[in-house]
Amino acid sequence: MKSSPFWLASLFVLIGIVPHNRVASADEATKQPQPDATQCCVELSEFELEEPIAIELDESEVIQAILQSGAKPVKTIRLTAMPNTPCHVQKGRQIAVVTSTMTRGDVTTRQTKEVEIGTTLRFQFADHPEGFLANIDYATARVAGDEKSDSAPDILSSSIQTTQVFVPGKMRLISTIGSEQLTAVVVTIHEIHRTAADQSQ
């Protein structure tokens, strides 16, 4: 099967920092793991690419090219999940966006407003004859350029929604995205728990 990249990106302006991190799972306070449930570890990584991906490459060839290039992930998110249970990870921070500047003599006045940037991953899976059927909703917004520059840097924003079948332990390419900076997003799902009956077999 051939895979064609698609591109999603929006540009905004920004400068500044206030940290904020949050990790949450839906219904985690009320739902207890079922004794016969499969627990999985999900790992999503976003890689910056030096060159566009050739359209004629299939998924496995694209992943191989990324790994052989020595590219390091600019973002990696991990979470654990139970079947048919929505969960998500959200990490973000607030930054002050420069909206206008005014210079009189030696004095420069900047007007700013605060916006939030960061990453959100929403995930849910069900068992499938080949492994797992997973719904993935990934959104990210990050700074491109120097946050402390006198001129406002850009924010690169993108989002992905996809449903795919995953073989446990096998990396899958879920998208290539970007305009100013091309990135590839890959996901691996590892099975980390089976029933006591399964483990004894």
C-alpha atoms as a PDB file:
ATOM      1  CA  MET A   1       0.000   0.000   0.000  1.00  0.00           C
ATOM      2  CA  LYS A   2       1.331   3.444  -0.937  1.00  0.00           C
ATOM      3  CA  SER A   3       1.104   6.365   1.476  1.00  0.00           C
ATOM      4  CA  SER A   4       0.928   9.971   0.339  1.00  0.00           C
ATOM      5  CA  PRO A   5       1.921  12.736   2.775  1.00  0.00           C
ATOM      6  CA  PHE A   6      -0.400  15.570   3.520  1.00  0.00           C
ATOM      7  CA  TRP A   7       0.385  18.927   4.961  1.00  0.00           C
ATOM      8  CA  LEU A   8      -1.324  20.865   7.674  1.00  0.00           C
ATOM      9  CA  ALA A   9       0.081  24.013   9.264  1.00  0.00           C
ATOM     10  CA  SER A  10      -0.955  27.416  10.599  1.00  0.00           C
ATOM     11  CA  LEU A  11       1.286  30.287  11.597  1.00  0.00           C
ATOM     12  CA  PHE A  12       0.794  32.604  14.551  1.00  0.00           C
ATOM     13  CA  VAL A  13       2.999  35.089  16.426  1.00  0.00           C
ATOM     14  CA  LEU A  14       4.373  34.814  19.975  1.00  0.00           C
ATOM     15  CA  ILE A  15       6.992  35.488  22.668  1.00  0.00           C
ATOM     16  CA  GLY A  16       7.303  34.524  26.465  1.00  0.00           C
ATOM     17  CA  ILE A  17       6.860  31.553  28.960  1.00  0.00           C
ATOM     18  CA  VAL A  18       4.744  30.173  31.843  1.00  0.00           C
ATOM     19  CA  PRO A  19       4.967  26.371  32.408  1.00  0.00           C
ATOM     20  CA  HIS A  20       1.877  24.194  32.635  1.00  0.00           C
ATOM     21  CA  ASN A  21       1.606  20.394  32.440  1.00  0.00           C
ATOM     22  CA  ARG A  22      -1.371  18.087  32.896  1.00  0.00           C
ATOM     23  CA  VAL A  23      -1.914  14.372  32.355  1.00  0.00           C
ATOM     24  CA  ALA A  24      -5.365  12.838  32.656  1.00  0.00           C
ATOM     25  CA  SER A  25      -7.353   9.719  31.796  1.00  0.00           C
ATOM     26  CA  ALA A  26     -11.091   9.721  31.296  1.00  0.00           C
ATOM     27  CA  ASP A  27     -13.068   8.019  34.064  1.00  0.00           C
ATOM     28  CA  GLU A  28      -9.839   7.127  35.896  1.00  0.00           C
ATOM     29  CA  ALA A  29     -11.429   7.847  39.245  1.00  0.00           C
ATOM     30  CA  THR A  30     -14.398   5.538  38.707  1.00  0.00           C
ATOM     31  CA  LYS A  31     -13.237   2.766  36.370  1.00  0.00           C
ATOM     32  CA  GLN A  32     -11.170  -0.096  37.729  1.00  0.00           C
ATOM     33  CA  PRO A  33      -9.080  -2.237  35.329  1.00  0.00           C
ATOM     34  CA  GLN A  34     -10.879  -5.424  34.362  1.00  0.00           C
ATOM     35  CA  PRO A  35      -8.997  -8.596  35.342  1.00  0.00           C
ATOM     36  CA  ASP A  36      -9.020  -9.881  31.750  1.00  0.00           C
ATOM     37  CA  ALA A  37      -8.133  -6.564  30.094  1.00  0.00           C
ATOM     38  CA  THR A  38      -5.108  -5.841  27.925  1.00  0.00           C
ATOM     39  CA  GLN A  39      -3.107  -2.832  29.068  1.00  0.00           C
ATOM     40  CA  CYS A  40      -1.005  -1.002  26.484  1.00  0.00           C
ATOM     41  CA  CYS A  41       1.770   1.551  26.426  1.00  0.00           C
ATOM     42  CA  VAL A  42       1.382   4.066  23.591  1.00  0.00           C
ATOM     43  CA  GLU A  43       4.392   6.001  22.307  1.00  0.00           C
ATOM     44  CA  LEU A  44       3.993   8.860  19.817  1.00  0.00           C
ATOM     45  CA  SER A  45       7.055  10.605  18.388  1.00  0.00           C
ATOM     46  CA  GLU A  46       7.279  13.581  16.048  1.00  0.00           C
ATOM     47  CA  PHE A  47      10.439  13.886  13.936  1.00  0.00           C
ATOM     48  CA  GLU A  48      11.719  16.928  12.054  1.00  0.00           C
ATOM     49  CA  LEU A  49      12.700  16.046   8.500  1.00  0.00           C
ATOM     50  CA  GLU A  50      15.470  17.669   6.498  1.00  0.00           C
ATOM     51  CA  GLU A  51      13.891  16.821   3.136  1.00  0.00           C
ATOM     52  CA  PRO A  52      10.360  16.092   1.862  1.00  0.00           C
ATOM     53  CA  ILE A  53       9.365  12.436   1.725  1.00  0.00           C
ATOM     54  CA  ALA A  54       9.225  10.923  -1.752  1.00  0.00           C
ATOM     55  CA  ILE A  55       5.635  10.178  -2.726  1.00  0.00           C
ATOM     56  CA  GLU A  56       6.510   6.783  -4.192  1.00  0.00           C
ATOM     57  CA  LEU A  57       7.754   5.400  -0.842  1.00  0.00           C
ATOM     58  CA  ASP A  58       5.399   3.167   1.106  1.00  0.00           C
ATOM     59  CA  GLU A  59       4.870   3.375   4.858  1.00  0.00           C
ATOM     60  CA  SER A  60       7.613   0.956   5.885  1.00  0.00           C
ATOM     61  CA  GLU A  61      10.118   2.663   3.563  1.00  0.00           C
ATOM     62  CA  VAL A  62       9.289   6.081   5.006  1.00  0.00           C
ATOM     63  CA  ILE A  63       9.783   4.831   8.574  1.00  0.00           C
ATOM     64  CA  GLN A  64      13.063   3.173   7.604  1.00  0.00           C
ATOM     65  CA  ALA A  65      14.287   6.403   5.978  1.00  0.00           C
ATOM     66  CA  ILE A  66      13.410   8.402   9.117  1.00  0.00           C
ATOM     67  CA  LEU A  67      15.227   6.003  11.437  1.00  0.00           C
ATOM     68  CA  GLN A  68      18.284   5.722   9.176  1.00  0.00           C
ATOM     69  CA  SER A  69      18.556   9.518   8.883  1.00  0.00           C
ATOM     70  CA  GLY A  70      19.477   9.769  12.557  1.00  0.00           C
ATOM     71  CA  ALA A  71      16.736  12.356  13.169  1.00  0.00           C
ATOM     72  CA  LYS A  72      15.859  12.923  16.818  1.00  0.00           C
ATOM     73  CA  PRO A  73      12.242  13.345  17.950  1.00  0.00           C
ATOM     74  CA  VAL A  74      11.252  16.932  18.685  1.00  0.00           C
ATOM     75  CA  LYS A  75       8.365  15.578  20.723  1.00  0.00           C
ATOM     76  CA  THR A  76       7.678  12.217  22.373  1.00  0.00           C
ATOM     77  CA  ILE A  77       4.519  11.391  24.322  1.00  0.00           C
ATOM     78  CA  ARG A  78       3.830   8.196  26.251  1.00  0.00           C
ATOM     79  CA  LEU A  79       0.666   7.035  27.968  1.00  0.00           C
ATOM     80  CA  THR A  80      -0.927   3.812  29.169  1.00  0.00           C
ATOM     81  CA  ALA A  81      -4.412   2.799  28.075  1.00  0.00           C
ATOM     82  CA  MET A  82      -7.094   0.185  28.704  1.00  0.00           C
ATOM     83  CA  PRO A  83      -9.430  -1.163  25.994  1.00  0.00           C
ATOM     84  CA  ASN A  84     -12.456   0.987  25.111  1.00  0.00           C
ATOM     85  CA  THR A  85     -11.413   3.644  27.633  1.00  0.00           C
ATOM     86  CA  PRO A  86     -10.694   7.169  26.340  1.00  0.00           C
ATOM     87  CA  CYS A  87      -7.523   8.705  27.730  1.00  0.00           C
ATOM     88  CA  HIS A  88      -5.427  11.755  26.987  1.00  0.00           C
ATOM     89  CA  VAL A  89      -2.230  13.612  27.773  1.00  0.00           C
ATOM     90  CA  GLN A  90      -2.015  17.386  27.640  1.00  0.00           C
ATOM     91  CA  LYS A  91       1.148  19.428  28.098  1.00  0.00           C
ATOM     92  CA  GLY A  92       1.253  23.169  27.579  1.00  0.00           C
ATOM     93  CA  ARG A  93       2.423  26.588  28.613  1.00  0.00           C
ATOM     94  CA  GLN A  94       1.323  30.157  28.176  1.00  0.00           C
ATOM     95  CA  ILE A  95       3.309  32.671  26.165  1.00  0.00           C
ATOM     96  CA  ALA A  96       2.940  36.400  25.627  1.00  0.00           C
ATOM     97  CA  VAL A  97       2.157  37.198  21.986  1.00  0.00           C
ATOM     98  CA  VAL A  98       3.422  40.495  20.606  1.00  0.00           C
ATOM     99  CA  THR A  99       0.512  42.282  18.964  1.00  0.00           C
ATOM    100  CA  SER A 100       2.147  45.655  18.236  1.00  0.00           C
ATOM    101  CA  THR A 101       5.224  47.780  18.947  1.00  0.00           C
ATOM    102  CA  MET A 102       5.792  51.508  19.160  1.00  0.00           C
ATOM    103  CA  THR A 103       9.165  53.302  19.339  1.00  0.00           C
ATOM    104  CA  ARG A 104       9.624  56.897  20.494  1.00  0.00           C
ATOM    105  CA  GLY A 105      13.219  57.960  20.734  1.00  0.00           C
ATOM    106  CA  ASP A 106      15.095  55.318  22.692  1.00  0.00           C
ATOM    107  CA  VAL A 107      11.950  53.797  24.188  1.00  0.00           C
ATOM    108  CA  THR A 108      10.132  50.853  22.556  1.00  0.00           C
ATOM    109  CA  THR A 109       6.721  49.858  23.859  1.00  0.00           C
ATOM    110  CA  ARG A 110       5.308  46.426  23.129  1.00  0.00           C
ATOM    111  CA  GLN A 111       1.717  45.332  23.495  1.00  0.00           C
ATOM    112  CA  THR A 112       1.191  41.613  24.140  1.00  0.00           C
ATOM    113  CA  LYS A 113      -1.496  39.071  24.881  1.00  0.00           C
ATOM    114  CA  GLU A 114      -1.176  35.607  26.415  1.00  0.00           C
ATOM    115  CA  VAL A 115      -1.911  32.479  24.401  1.00  0.00           C
ATOM    116  CA  GLU A 116      -1.373  28.796  25.180  1.00  0.00           C
ATOM    117  CA  ILE A 117       0.829  26.477  23.189  1.00  0.00           C
ATOM    118  CA  GLY A 118       1.560  22.805  23.734  1.00  0.00           C
ATOM    119  CA  THR A 119       0.537  19.294  22.777  1.00  0.00           C
ATOM    120  CA  THR A 120      -2.571  17.159  23.295  1.00  0.00           C
ATOM    121  CA  LEU A 121      -2.905  13.455  22.533  1.00  0.00           C
ATOM    122  CA  ARG A 122      -6.298  11.747  22.809  1.00  0.00           C
ATOM    123  CA  PHE A 123      -6.319   7.991  22.401  1.00  0.00           C
ATOM    124  CA  GLN A 124      -8.712   5.042  22.549  1.00  0.00           C
ATOM    125  CA  PHE A 125      -8.269   1.468  21.351  1.00  0.00           C
ATOM    126  CA  ALA A 126     -10.114  -1.820  21.042  1.00  0.00           C
ATOM    127  CA  ASP A 127      -8.893  -5.346  20.427  1.00  0.00           C
ATOM    128  CA  HIS A 128      -8.605  -6.386  16.775  1.00  0.00           C
ATOM    129  CA  PRO A 129      -7.738  -9.727  15.109  1.00  0.00           C
ATOM    130  CA  GLU A 130      -4.415  -8.225  13.974  1.00  0.00           C
ATOM    131  CA  GLY A 131      -3.715  -6.440  17.255  1.00  0.00           C
ATOM    132  CA  PHE A 132      -5.421  -3.170  18.156  1.00  0.00           C
ATOM    133  CA  LEU A 133      -7.784  -0.750  16.428  1.00  0.00           C
ATOM    134  CA  ALA A 134      -6.831   2.722  17.677  1.00  0.00           C
ATOM    135  CA  ASN A 135      -8.406   6.166  17.390  1.00  0.00           C
ATOM    136  CA  ILE A 136      -5.772   8.903  17.622  1.00  0.00           C
ATOM    137  CA  ASP A 137      -6.344  12.658  17.904  1.00  0.00           C
ATOM    138  CA  TYR A 138      -3.079  14.625  18.083  1.00  0.00           C
ATOM    139  CA  ALA A 139      -2.671  18.404  18.120  1.00  0.00           C
ATOM    140  CA  THR A 140       0.445  20.474  18.678  1.00  0.00           C
ATOM    141  CA  ALA A 141       1.501  24.108  18.612  1.00  0.00           C
ATOM    142  CA  ARG A 142       5.119  25.084  19.200  1.00  0.00           C
ATOM    143  CA  VAL A 143       7.479  28.005  18.710  1.00  0.00           C
ATOM    144  CA  ALA A 144       9.471  28.346  15.499  1.00  0.00           C
ATOM    145  CA  GLY A 145      12.314  30.764  16.138  1.00  0.00           C
ATOM    146  CA  ASP A 146      13.607  32.654  19.162  1.00  0.00           C
ATOM    147  CA  GLU A 147      10.933  33.260  21.794  1.00  0.00           C
ATOM    148  CA  LYS A 148      12.976  36.097  23.328  1.00  0.00           C
ATOM    149  CA  SER A 149      13.529  37.961  20.084  1.00  0.00           C
ATOM    150  CA  ASP A 150      12.347  41.577  19.843  1.00  0.00           C
ATOM    151  CA  SER A 151      10.352  40.541  16.801  1.00  0.00           C
ATOM    152  CA  ALA A 152       7.534  38.068  17.271  1.00  0.00           C
ATOM    153  CA  PRO A 153       8.434  34.474  16.343  1.00  0.00           C
ATOM    154  CA  ASP A 154       6.002  32.113  14.667  1.00  0.00           C
ATOM    155  CA  ILE A 155       3.982  29.280  16.178  1.00  0.00           C
ATOM    156  CA  LEU A 156       3.672  26.154  14.062  1.00  0.00           C
ATOM    157  CA  SER A 157       0.330  24.436  14.639  1.00  0.00           C
ATOM    158  CA  SER A 158      -0.930  21.133  13.271  1.00  0.00           C
ATOM    159  CA  SER A 159      -3.433  18.403  14.072  1.00  0.00           C
ATOM    160  CA  ILE A 160      -4.062  14.780  13.106  1.00  0.00           C
ATOM    161  CA  GLN A 161      -7.144  12.584  13.475  1.00  0.00           C
ATOM    162  CA  THR A 162      -6.839   8.983  12.343  1.00  0.00           C
ATOM    163  CA  THR A 163      -8.071   5.431  12.991  1.00  0.00           C
ATOM    164  CA  GLN A 164      -5.621   2.628  12.233  1.00  0.00           C
ATOM    165  CA  VAL A 165      -4.907  -1.016  13.007  1.00  0.00           C
ATOM    166  CA  PHE A 166      -1.699  -1.592  14.966  1.00  0.00           C
ATOM    167  CA  VAL A 167       0.334  -4.757  15.382  1.00  0.00           C
ATOM    168  CA  PRO A 168       1.803  -4.755  18.925  1.00  0.00           C
ATOM    169  CA  GLY A 169       5.368  -3.451  18.943  1.00  0.00           C
ATOM    170  CA  LYS A 170       5.331  -2.359  15.274  1.00  0.00           C
ATOM    171  CA  MET A 171       5.855   1.323  14.499  1.00  0.00           C
ATOM    172  CA  ARG A 172       3.319   2.978  12.194  1.00  0.00           C
ATOM    173  CA  LEU A 173       3.470   6.274  10.322  1.00  0.00           C
ATOM    174  CA  ILE A 174       0.285   8.228  11.011  1.00  0.00           C
ATOM    175  CA  SER A 175       1.127  11.422   9.118  1.00  0.00           C
ATOM    176  CA  THR A 176       3.658  13.790   7.618  1.00  0.00           C
ATOM    177  CA  ILE A 177       2.760  17.391   8.344  1.00  0.00           C
ATOM    178  CA  GLY A 178       4.166  20.871   8.018  1.00  0.00           C
ATOM    179  CA  SER A 179       4.803  23.818   5.767  1.00  0.00           C
ATOM    180  CA  GLU A 180       7.609  25.885   7.280  1.00  0.00           C
ATOM    181  CA  GLN A 181       9.023  22.711   8.876  1.00  0.00           C
ATOM    182  CA  LEU A 182       8.201  19.206   7.690  1.00  0.00           C
ATOM    183  CA  THR A 183       7.656  16.620  10.402  1.00  0.00           C
ATOM    184  CA  ALA A 184       6.645  12.967  10.507  1.00  0.00           C
ATOM    185  CA  VAL A 185       4.548  11.478  13.307  1.00  0.00           C
ATOM    186  CA  VAL A 186       4.928   7.803  14.215  1.00  0.00           C
ATOM    187  CA  VAL A 187       3.141   5.682  16.821  1.00  0.00           C
ATOM    188  CA  THR A 188       4.011   2.359  18.456  1.00  0.00           C
ATOM    189  CA  ILE A 189       1.664   0.430  20.751  1.00  0.00           C
ATOM    190  CA  HIS A 190       3.208  -2.072  23.155  1.00  0.00           C
ATOM    191  CA  GLU A 191       1.168  -4.681  24.993  1.00  0.00           C
ATOM    192  CA  ILE A 192       2.239  -4.601  28.642  1.00  0.00           C
ATOM    193  CA  HIS A 193      -0.377  -6.717  30.425  1.00  0.00           C
ATOM    194  CA  ARG A 194      -2.481  -9.786  29.780  1.00  0.00           C
ATOM    195  CA  THR A 195      -4.737 -11.837  32.016  1.00  0.00           C
ATOM    196  CA  ALA A 196      -3.267 -14.150  34.609  1.00  0.00           C
ATOM    197  CA  ALA A 197      -4.735 -17.054  32.603  1.00  0.00           C
ATOM    198  CA  ASP A 198      -2.983 -15.877  29.425  1.00  0.00           C
ATOM    199  CA  GLN A 199       0.321 -15.378  31.231  1.00  0.00           C
ATOM    200  CA  SER A 200       0.227 -18.918  32.607  1.00  0.00           C
ATOM    201  CA  GLN A 201      -0.147 -20.460  29.158  1.00  0.00           C
END
